C-alpha atoms as a PDB file:
ATOM      1  CA  MET A   1      93.152  55.771  16.760  1.00  0.00           C
ATOM      2  CA  ALA A   2      96.026  54.183  14.703  1.00  0.00           C
ATOM      3  CA  HIS A   3      94.675  50.792  15.816  1.00  0.00           C
ATOM      4  CA  GLU A   4      91.299  50.663  14.531  1.00  0.00           C
ATOM      5  CA  HIS A   5      93.078  52.436  10.628  1.00  0.00           C
ATOM      6  CA  LEU A   6      94.968  49.199  11.069  1.00  0.00           C
ATOM      7  CA  HIS A   7      91.493  47.287  12.092  1.00  0.00           C
ATOM      8  CA  PHE A   8      89.557  47.812   8.937  1.00  0.00           C
ATOM      9  CA  LYS A   9      92.492  47.224   6.853  1.00  0.00           C
ATOM     10  CA  GLN A  10      92.215  44.540   7.593  1.00  0.00           C
ATOM     11  CA  ASP A  11      88.434  44.248   7.696  1.00  0.00           C
ATOM     12  CA  ILE A  12      88.799  45.320   3.619  1.00  0.00           C
ATOM     13  CA  ALA A  13      91.041  42.112   2.933  1.00  0.00           C
ATOM     14  CA  ALA A  14      89.338  40.157   4.564  1.00  0.00           C
ATOM     15  CA  GLU A  15      86.450  41.375   2.681  1.00  0.00           C
ATOM     16  CA  TYR A  16      88.676  40.745  -0.742  1.00  0.00           C
ATOM     17  CA  THR A  17      90.224  38.354   0.337  1.00  0.00           C
ATOM     18  CA  HIS A  18      88.538  35.777   1.794  1.00  0.00           C
ATOM     19  CA  SER A  19      89.560  32.779  -0.363  1.00  0.00           C
ATOM     20  CA  LYS A  20      92.868  30.260  -1.067  1.00  0.00           C
ATOM     21  CA  GLN A  21      91.655  30.599  -4.948  1.00  0.00           C
ATOM     22  CA  VAL A  22      90.860  35.031  -4.901  1.00  0.00           C
ATOM     23  CA  ARG A  23      94.426  34.946  -2.961  1.00  0.00           C
ATOM     24  CA  VAL A  24      96.156  33.452  -5.547  1.00  0.00           C
ATOM     25  CA  SER A  25      93.378  34.447  -8.237  1.00  0.00           C
ATOM     26  CA  LEU A  26      95.148  37.826  -7.031  1.00  0.00           C
ATOM     27  CA  ALA A  27      98.547  37.442  -7.130  1.00  0.00           C
ATOM     28  CA  LEU A  28      98.552  35.205  -9.610  1.00  0.00           C
ATOM     29  CA  LEU A  29      96.854  38.341 -11.606  1.00  0.00           C
ATOM     30  CA  GLY A  30      99.725  40.634 -10.102  1.00  0.00           C
ATOM     31  CA  THR A  31     102.270  39.513 -11.379  1.00  0.00           C
ATOM     32  CA  LEU A  32     101.211  39.492 -15.189  1.00  0.00           C
ATOM     33  CA  ALA A  33      99.999  42.927 -15.206  1.00  0.00           C
ATOM     34  CA  GLY A  34     103.490  43.435 -13.391  1.00  0.00           C
ATOM     35  CA  PHE A  35     105.534  41.704 -16.528  1.00  0.00           C
ATOM     36  CA  PHE A  36     102.972  43.578 -18.918  1.00  0.00           C
ATOM     37  CA  LEU A  37     103.558  46.852 -18.289  1.00  0.00           C
ATOM     38  CA  LEU A  38     107.558  45.927 -17.372  1.00  0.00           C
ATOM     39  CA  ALA A  39     107.485  44.384 -21.261  1.00  0.00           C
ATOM     40  CA  THR A  40     106.601  47.986 -22.789  1.00  0.00           C
ATOM     41  CA  LEU A  41     110.384  49.467 -21.341  1.00  0.00           C
ATOM     42  CA  PHE A  42     112.822  47.647 -22.627  1.00  0.00           C
ATOM     43  CA  PRO A  43     111.253  47.371 -26.712  1.00  0.00           C
ATOM     44  CA  ALA A  44     110.752  51.303 -26.245  1.00  0.00           C
ATOM     45  CA  VAL A  45     114.400  51.483 -24.791  1.00  0.00           C
ATOM     46  CA  ALA A  46     116.060  49.447 -28.359  1.00  0.00           C
ATOM     47  CA  LEU A  47     113.161  52.049 -30.027  1.00  0.00           C
ATOM     48  CA  ALA A  48     115.016  55.392 -28.882  1.00  0.00           C
ATOM     49  CA  GLN A  49     119.125  53.335 -29.183  1.00  0.00           C
ATOM     50  CA  LYS A  50     118.346  52.508 -32.917  1.00  0.00           C
ATOM     51  CA  VAL A  51     116.886  56.544 -33.257  1.00  0.00           C
ATOM     52  CA  VAL A  52     119.836  57.863 -31.548  1.00  0.00           C
ATOM     53  CA  PRO A  53     122.583  55.503 -32.567  1.00  0.00           C
ATOM     54  CA  ARG A  54     125.533  57.728 -30.921  1.00  0.00           C
ATOM     55  CA  GLY A  55     124.422  58.396 -27.747  1.00  0.00           C
ATOM     56  CA  ARG A  56     122.755  53.982 -26.967  1.00  0.00           C
ATOM     57  CA  SER A  57     123.265  54.581 -23.370  1.00  0.00           C
ATOM     58  CA  LEU A  58     122.502  58.742 -23.109  1.00  0.00           C
ATOM     59  CA  VAL A  59     119.030  57.874 -23.955  1.00  0.00           C
ATOM     60  CA  SER A  60     118.606  54.770 -22.542  1.00  0.00           C
ATOM     61  CA  SER A  61     119.668  56.413 -19.605  1.00  0.00           C
ATOM     62  CA  ILE A  62     117.219  59.049 -19.685  1.00  0.00           C
ATOM     63  CA  ILE A  63     114.257  56.314 -21.146  1.00  0.00           C
ATOM     64  CA  MET A  64     114.469  54.040 -17.773  1.00  0.00           C
ATOM     65  CA  GLY A  65     115.005  57.157 -15.201  1.00  0.00           C
ATOM     66  CA  LEU A  66     112.292  58.217 -16.715  1.00  0.00           C
ATOM     67  CA  ALA A  67     110.082  55.147 -16.695  1.00  0.00           C
ATOM     68  CA  MET A  68     110.515  54.694 -13.104  1.00  0.00           C
ATOM     69  CA  GLY A  69     111.036  58.560 -11.953  1.00  0.00           C
ATOM     70  CA  LEU A  70     107.247  59.520 -13.435  1.00  0.00           C
ATOM     71  CA  ALA A  71     106.381  56.300 -12.639  1.00  0.00           C
ATOM     72  CA  GLY A  72     107.218  56.587  -8.451  1.00  0.00           C
ATOM     73  CA  LEU A  73     105.996  59.991  -8.374  1.00  0.00           C
ATOM     74  CA  MET A  74     102.602  59.511  -9.934  1.00  0.00           C
ATOM     75  CA  MET A  75     102.644  55.943  -7.425  1.00  0.00           C
ATOM     76  CA  PRO A  76     101.141  58.808  -4.416  1.00  0.00           C
ATOM     77  CA  ILE A  77      98.584  60.818  -6.865  1.00  0.00           C
ATOM     78  CA  THR A  78      97.347  57.529  -7.850  1.00  0.00           C
ATOM     79  CA  GLY A  79      96.923  56.775  -4.170  1.00  0.00           C
ATOM     80  CA  LYS A  80      95.296  60.501  -3.214  1.00  0.00           C
ATOM     81  CA  ILE A  81      92.678  59.778  -6.757  1.00  0.00           C
ATOM     82  CA  GLY A  82      92.630  56.317  -5.403  1.00  0.00           C
ATOM     83  CA  ASP A  83      91.193  57.078  -1.535  1.00  0.00           C
ATOM     84  CA  ILE A  84      88.131  59.531  -3.704  1.00  0.00           C
ATOM     85  CA  PHE A  85      86.562  58.140  -6.571  1.00  0.00           C
ATOM     86  CA  GLY A  86      87.494  54.021  -5.390  1.00  0.00           C
ATOM     87  CA  ILE A  87      90.056  51.623  -6.401  1.00  0.00           C
ATOM     88  CA  ARG A  88      88.849  50.009  -8.514  1.00  0.00           C
ATOM     89  CA  THR A  89      88.106  53.121 -10.524  1.00  0.00           C
ATOM     90  CA  VAL A  90      91.580  54.218 -10.492  1.00  0.00           C
ATOM     91  CA  LEU A  91      92.324  50.704 -11.517  1.00  0.00           C
ATOM     92  CA  THR A  92      89.840  51.036 -14.318  1.00  0.00           C
ATOM     93  CA  CYS A  93      92.023  54.540 -15.464  1.00  0.00           C
ATOM     94  CA  ILE A  94      94.841  53.097 -14.848  1.00  0.00           C
ATOM     95  CA  GLY A  95      94.261  49.958 -17.425  1.00  0.00           C
ATOM     96  CA  LEU A  96      93.336  52.269 -19.751  1.00  0.00           C
ATOM     97  CA  ILE A  97      95.955  53.981 -20.316  1.00  0.00           C
ATOM     98  CA  PRO A  98      98.870  51.987 -22.409  1.00  0.00           C
ATOM     99  CA  LEU A  99      95.544  51.567 -24.944  1.00  0.00           C
ATOM    100  CA  ALA A 100      96.586  54.534 -25.143  1.00  0.00           C
ATOM    101  CA  ALA A 101     100.187  54.131 -25.775  1.00  0.00           C
ATOM    102  CA  LEU A 102      99.013  52.341 -28.520  1.00  0.00           C
ATOM    103  CA  LEU A 103      97.271  54.987 -30.290  1.00  0.00           C
ATOM    104  CA  LEU A 104     100.619  56.465 -29.981  1.00  0.00           C
ATOM    105  CA  ILE A 105     103.159  53.980 -30.990  1.00  0.00           C
ATOM    106  CA  ARG A 106     101.291  53.274 -34.198  1.00  0.00           C
ATOM    107  CA  ASN A 107     101.976  57.162 -35.781  1.00  0.00           C
ATOM    108  CA  LEU A 108     106.071  56.954 -34.436  1.00  0.00           C
ATOM    109  CA  PRO A 109     108.327  56.646 -37.947  1.00  0.00           C
ATOM    110  CA  GLU A 110     110.474  53.847 -38.471  1.00  0.00           C
ATOM    111  CA  PRO A 111     113.699  54.168 -37.950  1.00  0.00           C
ATOM    112  CA  GLY A 112     116.205  54.514 -40.583  1.00  0.00           C
ATOM    113  CA  LYS A 113     113.177  56.180 -42.291  1.00  0.00           C
END
């Protein structure tokens, strides 16, 4: 049974990564996606430090801990939803999350005002 599951996963991988160009493109896109997802974390930490200047280390720890902790908690849930609705649908929805965050960020007041 477990052997059949492994064979099924290999068939899926072979279907989507049939050429070297596709594998290289996926690796490049994955790297860029990871960069852009993490690139938002450090401005958030800097903004939080400006808002709470007396507790810079505390607020940095809270922001980093929440970001990484929520990512870890959401990973299995995202996987389960991907099993139900398909990975393409889930990744499309996840790709829209930064746009929603952008709308929320626009409404934040400037620090010091």
